[in-house]
Amino acid sequence: MGENKHKENEHKSGRRKTLRSLSQVSQLGATAIVCVALGLFLGYWLDSFFNTSPIFLIVFSLLGVISAIKAMIDLAKKL
């Protein structure tokens, strides 16, 4: 009976590790998407406000990608 509890605890521990890993990977993906989407939105909005077609869109898209890469590196260091 003691072996069953030990196996059950190992199973729960493995499940927790899997869910934690899945949560961290999801956080990486969501962070990247939000950074890029925010850059695209802000660039598009500024271009329409100042009537400067692709300038701000390109600049803020690149800034969004750069910030996504930095955020992903920072999150990966925490893992």
N, C-alpha and C. Protein backbone atom coordinates (compact mmCIF):
# COMPACT_ATOMS: atom_id res chain seq x y z
N MET A 1 0.81 -1.18 0.00
CA MET A 1 0.00 0.00 0.00
C MET A 1 0.86 1.26 0.00
N GLY A 2 2.01 1.23 0.65
CA GLY A 2 2.91 2.37 0.67
C GLY A 2 3.47 2.65 -0.71
N GLU A 3 3.66 1.59 -1.50
CA GLU A 3 4.18 1.77 -2.86
C GLU A 3 3.17 2.52 -3.73
N ASN A 4 1.89 2.22 -3.54
CA ASN A 4 0.85 2.90 -4.33
C ASN A 4 0.84 4.40 -4.06
N LYS A 5 0.98 4.80 -2.78
CA LYS A 5 1.02 6.22 -2.46
C LYS A 5 2.24 6.89 -3.06
N HIS A 6 3.36 6.19 -3.03
CA HIS A 6 4.59 6.74 -3.59
C HIS A 6 4.45 6.94 -5.09
N LYS A 7 3.89 5.95 -5.79
CA LYS A 7 3.68 6.07 -7.23
C LYS A 7 2.69 7.17 -7.56
N GLU A 8 1.66 7.29 -6.72
CA GLU A 8 0.66 8.33 -6.93
C GLU A 8 1.27 9.72 -6.76
N ASN A 9 2.11 9.88 -5.74
CA ASN A 9 2.78 11.16 -5.52
C ASN A 9 3.73 11.49 -6.68
N GLU A 10 4.44 10.50 -7.19
CA GLU A 10 5.32 10.72 -8.34
C GLU A 10 4.51 11.13 -9.56
N HIS A 11 3.36 10.52 -9.74
CA HIS A 11 2.49 10.83 -10.88
C HIS A 11 1.99 12.27 -10.77
N LYS A 12 1.56 12.68 -9.57
CA LYS A 12 1.09 14.06 -9.37
C LYS A 12 2.22 15.06 -9.57
N SER A 13 3.40 14.71 -9.10
CA SER A 13 4.55 15.60 -9.25
C SER A 13 4.91 15.76 -10.73
N GLY A 14 4.87 14.67 -11.49
CA GLY A 14 5.14 14.74 -12.92
C GLY A 14 4.11 15.56 -13.65
N ARG A 15 2.86 15.43 -13.23
CA ARG A 15 1.78 16.21 -13.86
C ARG A 15 1.96 17.70 -13.57
N ARG A 16 2.36 18.04 -12.34
CA ARG A 16 2.60 19.45 -12.00
C ARG A 16 3.73 20.03 -12.83
N LYS A 17 4.79 19.26 -13.00
CA LYS A 17 5.92 19.74 -13.81
C LYS A 17 5.50 19.96 -15.25
N THR A 18 4.70 19.07 -15.77
CA THR A 18 4.22 19.20 -17.15
C THR A 18 3.35 20.44 -17.31
N LEU A 19 2.44 20.64 -16.37
CA LEU A 19 1.57 21.82 -16.44
C LEU A 19 2.36 23.11 -16.27
N ARG A 20 3.34 23.10 -15.40
CA ARG A 20 4.18 24.29 -15.21
C ARG A 20 4.94 24.61 -16.49
N SER A 21 5.50 23.59 -17.13
CA SER A 21 6.24 23.79 -18.37
C SER A 21 5.31 24.31 -19.47
N LEU A 22 4.13 23.75 -19.55
CA LEU A 22 3.16 24.19 -20.55
C LEU A 22 2.76 25.65 -20.31
N SER A 23 2.60 26.01 -19.05
CA SER A 23 2.26 27.39 -18.70
C SER A 23 3.37 28.35 -19.11
N GLN A 24 4.61 27.97 -18.89
CA GLN A 24 5.74 28.83 -19.23
C GLN A 24 5.88 28.99 -20.74
N VAL A 25 5.68 27.93 -21.48
CA VAL A 25 5.76 28.01 -22.94
C VAL A 25 4.62 28.88 -23.48
N SER A 26 3.44 28.74 -22.90
CA SER A 26 2.31 29.58 -23.31
C SER A 26 2.59 31.05 -23.02
N GLN A 27 3.23 31.31 -21.90
CA GLN A 27 3.57 32.70 -21.56
C GLN A 27 4.55 33.27 -22.56
N LEU A 28 5.52 32.47 -23.00
CA LEU A 28 6.47 32.94 -24.02
C LEU A 28 5.75 33.31 -25.31
N GLY A 29 4.86 32.44 -25.75
CA GLY A 29 4.13 32.69 -26.99
C GLY A 29 3.22 33.90 -26.90
N ALA A 30 2.51 34.01 -25.78
CA ALA A 30 1.59 35.15 -25.60
C ALA A 30 2.37 36.46 -25.54
N THR A 31 3.51 36.45 -24.88
CA THR A 31 4.32 37.66 -24.79
C THR A 31 4.79 38.10 -26.17
N ALA A 32 5.25 37.17 -26.97
CA ALA A 32 5.71 37.49 -28.32
C ALA A 32 4.58 38.06 -29.16
N ILE A 33 3.42 37.44 -29.09
CA ILE A 33 2.28 37.90 -29.89
C ILE A 33 1.85 39.30 -29.48
N VAL A 34 1.78 39.55 -28.18
CA VAL A 34 1.34 40.87 -27.70
C VAL A 34 2.33 41.95 -28.10
N CYS A 35 3.63 41.69 -27.97
CA CYS A 35 4.63 42.70 -28.33
C CYS A 35 4.55 43.06 -29.81
N VAL A 36 4.47 42.07 -30.66
CA VAL A 36 4.42 42.32 -32.11
C VAL A 36 3.10 43.00 -32.48
N ALA A 37 1.99 42.51 -31.92
CA ALA A 37 0.69 43.09 -32.25
C ALA A 37 0.61 44.54 -31.78
N LEU A 38 1.15 44.82 -30.61
CA LEU A 38 1.14 46.19 -30.11
C LEU A 38 1.97 47.11 -31.00
N GLY A 39 3.12 46.63 -31.45
CA GLY A 39 3.95 47.41 -32.38
C GLY A 39 3.24 47.67 -33.69
N LEU A 40 2.58 46.65 -34.23
CA LEU A 40 1.84 46.82 -35.48
C LEU A 40 0.69 47.81 -35.31
N PHE A 41 -0.06 47.66 -34.25
CA PHE A 41 -1.20 48.55 -34.01
C PHE A 41 -0.76 49.99 -33.82
N LEU A 42 0.25 50.19 -33.00
CA LEU A 42 0.73 51.54 -32.74
C LEU A 42 1.29 52.18 -34.01
N GLY A 43 2.05 51.41 -34.79
CA GLY A 43 2.60 51.93 -36.04
C GLY A 43 1.51 52.29 -37.04
N TYR A 44 0.52 51.43 -37.15
CA TYR A 44 -0.59 51.69 -38.06
C TYR A 44 -1.36 52.94 -37.63
N TRP A 45 -1.62 53.05 -36.32
CA TRP A 45 -2.36 54.19 -35.81
C TRP A 45 -1.60 55.49 -36.03
N LEU A 46 -0.32 55.49 -35.76
CA LEU A 46 0.49 56.71 -35.96
C LEU A 46 0.57 57.08 -37.44
N ASP A 47 0.68 56.08 -38.31
CA ASP A 47 0.70 56.37 -39.75
C ASP A 47 -0.61 56.99 -40.21
N SER A 48 -1.71 56.49 -39.70
CA SER A 48 -3.00 57.07 -40.11
C SER A 48 -3.19 58.45 -39.49
N PHE A 49 -2.66 58.68 -38.29
CA PHE A 49 -2.81 59.97 -37.63
C PHE A 49 -1.97 61.04 -38.32
N PHE A 50 -0.72 60.71 -38.65
CA PHE A 50 0.18 61.68 -39.28
C PHE A 50 0.19 61.59 -40.80
N ASN A 51 -0.55 60.64 -41.37
CA ASN A 51 -0.63 60.43 -42.82
C ASN A 51 0.76 60.17 -43.42
N THR A 52 1.50 59.29 -42.78
CA THR A 52 2.85 58.90 -43.24
C THR A 52 2.86 57.39 -43.43
N SER A 53 2.34 56.98 -44.55
CA SER A 53 1.96 55.59 -44.78
C SER A 53 2.81 54.50 -44.13
N PRO A 54 3.94 54.07 -44.65
CA PRO A 54 4.52 52.88 -44.01
C PRO A 54 5.61 53.17 -42.98
N ILE A 55 5.95 54.42 -42.74
CA ILE A 55 7.12 54.73 -41.91
C ILE A 55 6.96 54.20 -40.49
N PHE A 56 5.93 54.65 -39.79
CA PHE A 56 5.75 54.24 -38.39
C PHE A 56 5.41 52.76 -38.28
N LEU A 57 4.70 52.24 -39.25
CA LEU A 57 4.37 50.81 -39.24
C LEU A 57 5.64 49.96 -39.26
N ILE A 58 6.56 50.31 -40.11
CA ILE A 58 7.83 49.56 -40.20
C ILE A 58 8.64 49.72 -38.92
N VAL A 59 8.77 50.96 -38.46
CA VAL A 59 9.58 51.23 -37.26
C VAL A 59 9.01 50.49 -36.05
N PHE A 60 7.72 50.64 -35.81
CA PHE A 60 7.14 50.02 -34.62
C PHE A 60 6.98 48.51 -34.76
N SER A 61 6.88 48.01 -35.98
CA SER A 61 6.88 46.55 -36.17
C SER A 61 8.23 45.99 -35.77
N LEU A 62 9.29 46.65 -36.20
CA LEU A 62 10.64 46.20 -35.82
C LEU A 62 10.85 46.32 -34.31
N LEU A 63 10.39 47.42 -33.72
CA LEU A 63 10.49 47.58 -32.27
C LEU A 63 9.70 46.50 -31.53
N GLY A 64 8.55 46.13 -32.07
CA GLY A 64 7.75 45.06 -31.48
C GLY A 64 8.46 43.71 -31.52
N VAL A 65 9.10 43.43 -32.65
CA VAL A 65 9.84 42.18 -32.78
C VAL A 65 11.04 42.16 -31.83
N ILE A 66 11.75 43.28 -31.78
CA ILE A 66 12.91 43.37 -30.88
C ILE A 66 12.48 43.22 -29.42
N SER A 67 11.41 43.88 -29.04
CA SER A 67 10.95 43.76 -27.66
C SER A 67 10.44 42.37 -27.36
N ALA A 68 9.84 41.70 -28.34
CA ALA A 68 9.40 40.32 -28.14
C ALA A 68 10.59 39.39 -27.92
N ILE A 69 11.64 39.59 -28.70
CA ILE A 69 12.84 38.75 -28.53
C ILE A 69 13.46 38.99 -27.16
N LYS A 70 13.55 40.26 -26.75
CA LYS A 70 14.12 40.57 -25.43
C LYS A 70 13.27 39.97 -24.32
N ALA A 71 11.96 40.13 -24.42
CA ALA A 71 11.08 39.59 -23.40
C ALA A 71 11.18 38.07 -23.32
N MET A 72 11.29 37.42 -24.48
CA MET A 72 11.42 35.97 -24.48
C MET A 72 12.74 35.52 -23.86
N ILE A 73 13.81 36.26 -24.13
CA ILE A 73 15.09 35.93 -23.53
C ILE A 73 15.02 36.10 -22.01
N ASP A 74 14.40 37.19 -21.56
CA ASP A 74 14.27 37.42 -20.12
C ASP A 74 13.45 36.33 -19.45
N LEU A 75 12.34 35.92 -20.09
CA LEU A 75 11.53 34.85 -19.53
C LEU A 75 12.27 33.52 -19.54
N ALA A 76 13.04 33.27 -20.59
CA ALA A 76 13.78 32.02 -20.67
C ALA A 76 14.87 31.95 -19.60
N LYS A 77 15.43 33.08 -19.22
CA LYS A 77 16.43 33.10 -18.16
C LYS A 77 15.83 32.71 -16.81
N LYS A 78 14.56 33.06 -16.62
CA LYS A 78 13.87 32.72 -15.37
C LYS A 78 13.57 31.23 -15.26
N LEU A 79 13.49 30.56 -16.41
CA LEU A 79 13.18 29.14 -16.39
C LEU A 79 14.40 28.41 -15.91
